[in-house]
């Protein structure tokens, strides 16, 4: 297992190199498997709201800034 990064800077993500899965350490939810995303961006925002007990998460979509 290696640290894959942090979801929105707060939730630690771990990568199981044996099973090629990335999951959230706090709840064990697999978000990436075999190099493919399992959760959409909106689902990740909802997970962050739940896990961090936040009422609001500011969503910045840089795709709109063209």
Protein backbone atom coordinates (compact mmCIF):
# COMPACT_ATOMS: atom_id res chain seq x y z
CA UNK A 1 0.00 0.00 0.00
CA UNK A 2 1.17 3.47 -0.84
CA UNK A 3 -0.31 6.93 -0.28
CA UNK A 4 -1.96 7.91 -3.57
CA UNK A 5 -2.83 11.46 -2.55
CA UNK A 6 -5.56 13.43 -0.81
CA UNK A 7 -9.12 13.88 -2.03
CA UNK A 8 -9.82 17.63 -1.97
CA UNK A 9 -6.73 18.02 0.22
CA UNK A 10 -8.26 16.29 3.26
CA UNK A 11 -9.19 12.64 2.75
CA UNK A 12 -6.18 10.37 2.37
CA UNK A 13 -6.27 8.00 -0.58
CA UNK A 14 -4.33 4.74 -0.51
CA UNK A 15 -3.35 2.56 -3.45
CA UNK A 16 -3.30 -1.19 -3.11
CA UNK A 17 -0.69 -2.06 -5.73
CA UNK A 18 -1.46 -5.77 -5.51
CA UNK A 19 -5.13 -5.35 -6.48
CA UNK A 20 -4.64 -2.09 -8.45
CA UNK A 21 -7.26 -0.22 -6.43
CA UNK A 22 -7.35 3.28 -4.98
CA UNK A 23 -9.56 3.73 -1.94
CA UNK A 24 -10.41 6.28 0.73
CA UNK A 25 -8.63 5.37 3.96
CA UNK A 26 -11.40 6.69 6.26
CA UNK A 27 -14.21 4.51 4.91
CA UNK A 28 -12.55 1.94 2.61
CA UNK A 29 -14.56 3.02 -0.43
CA UNK A 30 -12.83 2.05 -3.70
CA UNK A 31 -12.84 5.01 -6.11
CA UNK A 32 -10.50 3.72 -8.81
CA UNK A 33 -9.94 0.16 -10.01
CA UNK A 34 -7.66 -1.18 -12.74
CA UNK A 35 -6.87 2.36 -13.88
CA UNK A 36 -10.55 3.31 -14.31
CA UNK A 37 -12.50 5.84 -12.27
CA UNK A 38 -15.46 4.31 -10.44
CA UNK A 39 -16.92 7.51 -8.97
CA UNK A 40 -17.91 10.66 -10.82
CA UNK A 41 -16.69 14.06 -9.68
CA UNK A 42 -20.11 14.85 -8.18
CA UNK A 43 -20.04 11.59 -6.23
CA UNK A 44 -16.59 12.46 -4.87
CA UNK A 45 -17.91 15.85 -3.73
CA UNK A 46 -20.82 14.11 -1.97
CA UNK A 47 -18.39 11.69 -0.28
CA UNK A 48 -16.23 14.60 0.89
CA UNK A 49 -19.28 16.39 2.31
CA UNK A 50 -20.28 13.26 4.23
CA UNK A 51 -16.84 12.26 5.51
CA UNK A 52 -15.78 15.79 6.49
CA UNK A 53 -19.21 16.76 7.88
CA UNK A 54 -19.29 19.86 5.71
CA UNK A 55 -22.46 21.72 4.86
CA UNK A 56 -20.88 23.32 1.82
CA UNK A 57 -18.05 22.36 -0.50
CA UNK A 58 -17.03 24.99 -3.01
CA UNK A 59 -16.86 23.45 -6.46
CA UNK A 60 -14.62 25.21 -8.94
CA UNK A 61 -14.95 23.95 -12.49
CA UNK A 62 -11.89 25.16 -14.37
CA UNK A 63 -13.37 23.85 -17.59
CA UNK A 64 -15.63 26.91 -17.68
CA UNK A 65 -12.65 29.27 -17.74
CA UNK A 66 -11.69 29.07 -21.41
